[in-house]
Amino acid sequence: MRLTSLSLRNFKAIGFNEQQIMFRPITLLLGPNSAGKSTIVQALHYLSEILTSNNCNPGTTQLGGKLDLGGFLNLVYLHDPDTTIELAVGLALDNNLLPSYGAGDEDEHILLGEILDTEKLLDLSCVGTVEVKLGVNWSRQHDRAYVSFYSVSIDGEHFATINAKADQKQIELSILNCQHKIFNEPVNKEEEAINIGEALQALVDEFTIQPKKENEEPVFVPLQLRSGQWALPVFNQDLPLAPSNALLENDDVDPNKKPTDEERQQAETLQTEKAEAEQRFILLNRYLSRIIVGAGELARDCLQQFLYLGPLREIPGRHFSPERSPGLARWSSGLGAWDQLSLYMTKNHRNTEKPFKSIK
């Protein structure tokens, strides 16, 4: 798994026009002072802070090297608290799989495929690239920065977006692209068969379409998230999705009224239908979570592998001794290099000439 791109908007000196940097196995950033080279490093650290600890207003980051970011108001374009920072990273999965959050069941695509009446629903092992995009805003109500939207694309096409209001009272899966190209296959070999995307959309509609009233069109309401860190999902678990209609809610029953046999039978039938609908929703949620949550989790893990190797800003004194428990943060100032050099000399019986001869 490797990082392939970084896109920025309204970050530091980068304004509204989005800028994208494509990465190769070795990428060199060349330019004079204040050309924006450090902006790239800071953006990667900032995104890592958000995905790792949901910290949208970091001061000094310890992830992959100590680096002073200065907080949201220092990072946002023109220091404007009403502007949205947008950051996105692209990943090539290189045979890494999107994680599964089911209870020991990695074949949710088979079970969901049975519901959709198809054997062709992807197990997602063929997904080759993902992109995770975040929007970060400032909440005046809470006096803090927060993730206002979280978006995932797979194989170069947008798939889903979670949006959150500043008051955190409404978090919803506002966009779900069931017509994504990975679902563009007929459910079966029949000539008039619908494609998988249409079948998937019909299942989503079951939990998002409000029952229409007389002479009214049905109303679509996006799937809601019962809890969350604003728009950023909690990693390592399924999305806390909830239907936006009342399909899975229990009906009010008057405990003082004795039901008739017919009413009892209707209630039992309704209860069975709700149990089946709940199982369909669980499998749908699990499948969507593999893509939406899994993409962010992989982006987080990839960014955690980064290490900021700074210049030798600090020169150790005459009686320098290496840290007993050195952390990654020491590499940003150069002290991590002195730690390694000192340990190397100790390991080689304090032969101080050998390492310098090898450098020459």
Protein backbone atom coordinates (compact mmCIF):
# COMPACT_ATOMS: atom_id res chain seq x y z
CA MET A 1 0.00 0.00 0.00
CA ARG A 2 1.42 3.38 -0.97
CA LEU A 3 0.47 7.01 -1.14
CA THR A 4 -0.11 8.18 -4.72
CA SER A 5 -1.50 11.71 -4.40
CA LEU A 6 -2.24 14.63 -2.11
CA SER A 7 -4.84 17.29 -2.96
CA LEU A 8 -5.19 20.57 -1.07
CA ARG A 9 -7.60 23.49 -1.06
CA ASN A 10 -7.60 26.49 1.32
CA PHE A 11 -4.55 25.17 3.14
CA LYS A 12 -1.75 27.60 4.09
CA ALA A 13 -0.92 29.63 0.94
CA ILE A 14 -2.97 27.33 -1.32
CA GLY A 15 -6.29 29.04 -2.01
CA PHE A 16 -9.63 27.98 -3.46
CA ASN A 17 -8.14 26.41 -6.60
CA GLU A 18 -7.32 22.83 -5.66
CA GLN A 19 -3.71 21.75 -6.08
CA GLN A 20 -2.74 18.10 -6.51
CA ILE A 21 0.66 16.52 -5.99
CA MET A 22 1.31 13.10 -7.49
CA PHE A 23 3.77 10.89 -5.61
CA ARG A 24 6.17 8.29 -6.96
CA PRO A 25 8.35 5.85 -4.99
CA ILE A 26 10.84 8.73 -4.77
CA THR A 27 9.44 12.26 -5.01
CA LEU A 28 11.66 15.35 -4.76
CA LEU A 29 10.25 18.76 -3.88
CA LEU A 30 12.51 21.51 -5.21
CA GLY A 31 12.09 25.26 -4.88
CA PRO A 32 13.24 28.40 -3.11
CA ASN A 33 12.27 29.30 0.43
CA SER A 34 8.53 29.94 0.91
CA ALA A 35 7.70 28.07 -2.30
CA GLY A 36 5.42 25.66 -0.41
CA LYS A 37 7.62 22.60 0.14
CA SER A 38 6.92 22.56 3.88
CA THR A 39 3.20 22.92 3.15
CA ILE A 40 3.19 19.41 1.68
CA VAL A 41 4.84 17.95 4.79
CA GLN A 42 2.50 19.88 7.10
CA ALA A 43 -0.57 18.72 5.18
CA LEU A 44 0.43 15.07 5.56
CA HIS A 45 1.01 15.56 9.29
CA TYR A 46 -2.28 17.41 9.69
CA LEU A 47 -4.25 14.72 7.91
CA SER A 48 -2.52 12.05 9.98
CA GLU A 49 -3.47 13.90 13.19
CA ILE A 50 -7.11 14.04 12.09
CA LEU A 51 -7.39 10.40 11.02
CA THR A 52 -5.46 9.09 14.02
CA SER A 53 -6.87 11.14 16.89
CA ASN A 54 -9.63 13.31 15.36
CA ASN A 55 -7.51 16.33 16.28
CA CYS A 56 -8.44 19.07 13.81
CA ASN A 57 -6.70 21.81 15.80
CA PRO A 58 -3.23 20.41 16.58
CA GLY A 59 -0.39 22.45 17.93
CA THR A 60 2.75 20.32 17.95
CA THR A 61 2.24 16.92 16.38
CA GLN A 62 4.17 13.87 17.54
CA LEU A 63 3.12 11.66 14.64
CA GLY A 64 6.09 10.73 12.50
CA GLY A 65 8.25 13.50 13.93
CA LYS A 66 7.67 16.55 16.09
CA LEU A 67 6.31 19.38 13.95
CA ASP A 68 4.64 22.62 15.02
CA LEU A 69 1.42 23.03 12.99
CA GLY A 70 0.04 25.93 14.98
CA GLY A 71 -3.62 24.89 14.92
CA PHE A 72 -6.48 25.30 12.46
CA LEU A 73 -6.40 29.11 12.31
CA ASN A 74 -2.72 28.99 11.39
CA LEU A 75 -3.33 26.42 8.64
CA VAL A 76 -6.50 27.71 6.99
CA TYR A 77 -6.09 30.01 3.97
CA LEU A 78 -5.87 33.69 4.99
CA HIS A 79 -6.51 32.56 8.61
CA ASP A 80 -10.23 32.83 7.87
CA PRO A 81 -12.30 30.76 10.36
CA ASP A 82 -15.23 30.68 7.91
CA THR A 83 -13.20 28.90 5.21
CA THR A 84 -13.19 25.12 4.74
CA ILE A 85 -9.84 23.34 4.51
CA GLU A 86 -10.02 20.41 2.08
CA LEU A 87 -7.44 17.63 2.08
CA ALA A 88 -7.43 14.38 0.12
CA VAL A 89 -5.01 11.48 -0.22
CA GLY A 90 -5.02 8.78 -2.86
CA LEU A 91 -3.76 5.26 -2.18
CA ALA A 92 -2.78 2.33 -4.37
CA LEU A 93 -3.80 -0.71 -2.35
CA ASP A 94 -1.28 -3.09 -3.97
CA ASN A 95 -3.22 -6.23 -2.97
CA ASN A 96 -4.14 -4.86 0.47
CA LEU A 97 -7.80 -5.58 1.25
CA LEU A 98 -10.40 -3.26 2.62
CA PRO A 99 -10.97 -4.40 6.23
CA SER A 100 -14.11 -6.22 7.34
CA TYR A 101 -15.92 -5.44 10.59
CA GLY A 102 -18.35 -8.33 10.75
CA ALA A 103 -18.35 -10.76 13.64
CA GLY A 104 -15.87 -13.16 12.05
CA ASP A 105 -17.85 -13.10 8.81
CA GLU A 106 -15.89 -11.83 5.81
CA ASP A 107 -18.44 -13.13 3.30
CA GLU A 108 -21.03 -10.41 3.81
CA HIS A 109 -21.01 -9.83 0.03
CA ILE A 110 -22.34 -13.37 -0.50
CA LEU A 111 -25.15 -12.92 2.02
CA LEU A 112 -25.97 -9.47 0.66
CA GLY A 113 -25.83 -10.87 -2.87
CA GLU A 114 -28.49 -13.43 -1.93
CA ILE A 115 -30.73 -10.58 -0.82
CA LEU A 116 -30.10 -8.77 -4.12
CA ASP A 117 -30.68 -12.03 -6.00
CA THR A 118 -27.20 -12.04 -7.54
CA GLU A 119 -23.97 -13.99 -7.27
CA LYS A 120 -21.94 -11.16 -8.78
CA LEU A 121 -21.77 -8.66 -5.91
CA LEU A 122 -18.11 -7.77 -5.50
CA ASP A 123 -16.18 -9.01 -2.49
CA LEU A 124 -14.17 -5.75 -2.91
CA SER A 125 -10.87 -7.63 -3.28
CA CYS A 126 -10.57 -6.18 -6.79
CA VAL A 127 -10.59 -2.55 -5.58
CA GLY A 128 -7.22 -1.15 -6.63
CA THR A 129 -7.25 2.49 -5.51
CA VAL A 130 -9.04 4.62 -2.94
CA GLU A 131 -9.16 8.33 -2.23
CA VAL A 132 -10.20 9.82 1.11
CA LYS A 133 -11.16 13.48 1.25
CA LEU A 134 -11.92 15.61 4.31
CA GLY A 135 -13.37 19.05 4.87
CA VAL A 136 -12.40 20.84 8.08
CA ASN A 137 -14.34 23.83 9.44
CA TRP A 138 -14.34 25.97 12.54
CA SER A 139 -17.34 25.73 14.88
CA ARG A 140 -18.01 29.03 16.65
CA GLN A 141 -20.57 27.27 18.82
CA HIS A 142 -18.06 24.73 20.15
CA ASP A 143 -14.97 26.92 19.62
CA ARG A 144 -13.11 24.14 17.88
CA ALA A 145 -12.33 22.73 14.44
CA TYR A 146 -14.26 19.72 13.23
CA VAL A 147 -14.58 17.42 10.19
CA SER A 148 -17.57 18.76 8.25
CA PHE A 149 -17.47 16.17 5.48
CA TYR A 150 -15.76 12.86 4.79
CA SER A 151 -15.74 11.52 1.24
CA VAL A 152 -14.51 8.26 -0.29
CA SER A 153 -13.78 7.38 -3.91
CA ILE A 154 -12.79 3.93 -5.17
CA ASP A 155 -11.09 3.13 -8.46
CA GLY A 156 -11.27 6.75 -9.56
CA GLU A 157 -15.01 7.31 -9.00
CA HIS A 158 -16.79 8.93 -6.08
CA PHE A 159 -18.74 6.50 -3.88
CA ALA A 160 -19.96 8.13 -0.67
CA THR A 161 -19.96 11.30 1.44
CA ILE A 162 -20.79 11.82 5.11
CA ASN A 163 -21.83 15.35 6.12
CA ALA A 164 -22.12 16.81 9.60
CA LYS A 165 -23.62 20.00 10.93
CA ALA A 166 -21.57 22.15 13.27
CA ASP A 167 -23.90 21.39 16.19
CA GLN A 168 -23.30 17.63 15.66
CA LYS A 169 -27.05 17.06 15.90
CA GLN A 170 -27.30 15.77 12.34
CA ILE A 171 -24.77 13.43 10.74
CA GLU A 172 -25.90 11.77 7.54
CA LEU A 173 -24.70 9.67 4.65
CA SER A 174 -25.69 12.41 2.25
CA ILE A 175 -24.34 10.82 -0.96
CA LEU A 176 -24.23 7.13 -1.83
CA ASN A 177 -23.37 6.27 -5.42
CA CYS A 178 -25.03 2.90 -6.01
CA GLN A 179 -24.46 3.40 -9.76
CA HIS A 180 -20.69 3.18 -9.28
CA LYS A 181 -18.97 1.33 -12.12
CA ILE A 182 -18.09 -1.63 -9.87
CA PHE A 183 -21.83 -2.38 -9.67
CA ASN A 184 -22.45 -2.02 -13.40
CA GLU A 185 -23.25 -5.67 -14.10
CA PRO A 186 -26.62 -7.39 -14.50
CA VAL A 187 -27.74 -9.32 -11.44
CA ASN A 188 -28.23 -12.42 -13.57
CA LYS A 189 -28.15 -13.62 -17.18
CA GLU A 190 -31.76 -12.81 -17.97
CA GLU A 191 -32.19 -10.37 -20.83
CA GLU A 192 -34.32 -7.90 -18.86
CA ALA A 193 -32.26 -8.12 -15.68
CA ILE A 194 -31.45 -4.92 -13.81
CA ASN A 195 -27.83 -4.21 -12.88
CA ILE A 196 -26.40 -4.70 -9.41
CA GLY A 197 -26.34 -0.98 -8.75
CA GLU A 198 -30.09 -0.70 -9.34
CA ALA A 199 -30.74 -3.64 -7.01
CA LEU A 200 -28.49 -2.08 -4.38
CA GLN A 201 -30.27 1.27 -4.74
CA ALA A 202 -33.64 -0.46 -4.27
CA LEU A 203 -32.36 -1.93 -1.01
CA VAL A 204 -31.11 1.48 0.17
CA ASP A 205 -34.48 3.03 -0.77
CA GLU A 206 -36.18 0.55 1.51
CA PHE A 207 -34.59 2.35 4.47
CA THR A 208 -34.51 5.93 3.17
CA ILE A 209 -37.82 6.58 1.40
CA GLN A 210 -40.49 8.07 3.62
CA PRO A 211 -43.94 6.53 3.07
CA LYS A 212 -45.84 8.81 0.73
CA LYS A 213 -49.09 10.37 1.76
CA GLU A 214 -52.08 10.63 -0.50
CA ASN A 215 -51.39 12.76 -3.59
CA GLU A 216 -47.77 13.30 -2.51
CA GLU A 217 -44.49 12.12 -3.98
CA PRO A 218 -42.31 9.87 -1.76
CA VAL A 219 -39.59 11.75 0.08
CA PHE A 220 -35.96 10.60 0.20
CA VAL A 221 -34.12 11.19 3.48
CA PRO A 222 -30.45 10.08 3.69
CA LEU A 223 -29.33 7.37 6.09
CA GLN A 224 -28.48 8.86 9.48
CA LEU A 225 -25.50 8.17 11.74
CA ARG A 226 -26.58 7.62 15.35
CA SER A 227 -23.26 8.87 16.72
CA GLY A 228 -19.84 9.88 15.51
CA GLN A 229 -16.97 12.33 15.57
CA TRP A 230 -18.81 14.82 13.40
CA ALA A 231 -18.36 13.50 9.83
CA LEU A 232 -15.28 11.40 10.61
CA PRO A 233 -16.25 7.74 11.16
CA VAL A 234 -14.91 5.77 14.10
CA PHE A 235 -12.40 3.32 12.68
CA ASN A 236 -12.22 -0.43 13.33
CA GLN A 237 -15.98 -0.80 13.50
CA ASP A 238 -19.13 -0.61 11.40
CA LEU A 239 -20.79 2.72 10.70
CA PRO A 240 -23.56 3.45 13.25
CA LEU A 241 -26.10 3.84 10.45
CA ALA A 242 -29.80 4.10 11.17
CA PRO A 243 -32.72 4.05 8.71
CA SER A 244 -34.18 7.49 8.07
CA ASN A 245 -37.72 6.09 7.96
CA ALA A 246 -39.69 4.16 10.57
CA LEU A 247 -39.30 0.72 8.98
CA LEU A 248 -37.43 -0.84 11.91
CA GLU A 249 -39.20 1.02 14.68
CA ASN A 250 -41.55 -0.83 16.99
CA ASP A 251 -45.23 0.03 16.79
CA ASP A 252 -46.99 1.40 19.84
CA VAL A 253 -49.11 -1.26 21.52
CA ASP A 254 -51.77 -0.57 24.10
CA PRO A 255 -50.89 -2.94 26.99
CA ASN A 256 -54.45 -2.70 28.33
CA LYS A 257 -56.06 -3.88 25.13
CA LYS A 258 -56.35 -7.59 24.47
CA PRO A 259 -55.62 -8.23 20.78
CA THR A 260 -57.85 -10.39 18.64
CA ASP A 261 -56.48 -13.50 16.95
CA GLU A 262 -56.30 -11.62 13.68
CA GLU A 263 -54.46 -8.71 15.28
CA ARG A 264 -52.06 -11.12 17.00
CA GLN A 265 -51.33 -12.86 13.70
CA GLN A 266 -50.76 -9.53 11.95
CA ALA A 267 -48.40 -8.46 14.73
CA GLU A 268 -46.40 -11.69 14.44
CA THR A 269 -46.17 -11.30 10.66
CA LEU A 270 -45.05 -7.70 11.06
CA GLN A 271 -42.46 -8.72 13.63
CA THR A 272 -41.05 -11.37 11.27
CA GLU A 273 -40.88 -8.84 8.42
CA LYS A 274 -39.05 -6.37 10.67
CA ALA A 275 -36.55 -9.03 11.76
CA GLU A 276 -35.83 -9.85 8.11
CA ALA A 277 -35.54 -6.15 7.26
CA GLU A 278 -33.15 -5.66 10.18
CA GLN A 279 -30.93 -8.46 8.88
CA ARG A 280 -30.91 -6.86 5.43
CA PHE A 281 -29.93 -3.54 6.97
CA ILE A 282 -27.12 -5.09 9.02
CA LEU A 283 -25.59 -6.70 5.92
CA LEU A 284 -25.97 -3.48 3.92
CA ASN A 285 -24.34 -1.48 6.70
CA ARG A 286 -21.48 -3.96 6.98
CA TYR A 287 -20.81 -3.88 3.24
CA LEU A 288 -20.90 -0.08 3.06
CA SER A 289 -18.64 0.16 6.12
CA ARG A 290 -15.94 -1.90 4.42
CA ILE A 291 -15.68 0.79 1.75
CA ILE A 292 -16.41 3.97 3.69
CA VAL A 293 -14.69 3.20 7.00
CA GLY A 294 -12.09 0.86 5.52
CA ALA A 295 -10.73 3.44 3.07
CA GLY A 296 -10.11 5.94 5.86
CA GLU A 297 -8.54 3.29 8.04
CA LEU A 298 -6.07 2.35 5.29
CA ALA A 299 -5.25 6.04 4.72
CA ARG A 300 -4.61 6.47 8.44
CA ASP A 301 -2.32 3.42 8.56
CA CYS A 302 -0.40 4.58 5.51
CA LEU A 303 0.19 8.07 6.91
CA GLN A 304 1.36 6.63 10.23
CA GLN A 305 4.30 5.09 8.40
CA PHE A 306 5.65 8.52 7.50
CA LEU A 307 8.68 9.90 9.32
CA TYR A 308 9.79 13.50 9.10
CA LEU A 309 13.58 13.57 8.86
CA GLY A 310 14.46 17.16 9.64
CA PRO A 311 17.81 18.92 9.25
CA LEU A 312 20.38 18.80 12.04
CA ARG A 313 18.91 21.76 13.91
CA GLU A 314 20.28 20.75 17.32
CA ILE A 315 23.94 19.95 17.89
CA PRO A 316 24.53 17.73 20.95
CA GLY A 317 26.89 18.88 23.69
CA ARG A 318 30.22 17.39 24.71
CA HIS A 319 28.62 14.95 27.16
CA PHE A 320 25.74 13.89 24.94
CA SER A 321 24.14 10.52 25.64
CA PRO A 322 21.36 9.00 23.53
CA GLU A 323 17.81 8.75 24.76
CA ARG A 324 17.07 5.45 26.47
CA SER A 325 13.61 5.39 24.86
CA PRO A 326 13.97 7.51 21.73
CA GLY A 327 10.77 8.53 19.97
CA LEU A 328 10.07 9.50 16.40
CA ALA A 329 9.74 13.16 17.39
CA ARG A 330 13.54 13.45 17.82
CA TRP A 331 14.09 12.93 14.10
CA SER A 332 12.54 16.26 13.15
CA SER A 333 15.30 18.17 14.98
CA GLY A 334 18.10 15.81 13.93
CA LEU A 335 18.61 14.39 17.44
CA GLY A 336 17.32 11.02 16.25
CA ALA A 337 20.33 10.81 13.94
CA TRP A 338 22.71 11.59 16.83
CA ASP A 339 20.98 8.90 18.90
CA GLN A 340 21.60 6.32 16.19
CA LEU A 341 25.20 7.44 15.67
CA SER A 342 25.95 7.22 19.39
CA LEU A 343 24.36 3.78 19.65
CA TYR A 344 26.36 2.66 16.61
CA MET A 345 29.62 3.77 18.21
CA THR A 346 28.71 2.05 21.48
CA LYS A 347 27.91 -1.16 19.64
CA ASN A 348 31.26 -1.00 17.84
CA HIS A 349 33.30 -0.56 21.04
CA ARG A 350 33.30 3.24 20.77
CA ASN A 351 35.37 3.20 17.58
CA THR A 352 34.61 6.83 16.71
CA GLU A 353 36.68 6.82 13.53
CA LYS A 354 34.93 3.94 11.71
CA PRO A 355 31.55 5.59 10.99
CA PHE A 356 33.19 8.81 9.78
CA LYS A 357 35.62 6.94 7.55
CA SER A 358 32.66 5.17 5.93
CA ILE A 359 30.98 8.54 5.29
CA LYS A 360 34.11 9.85 3.56
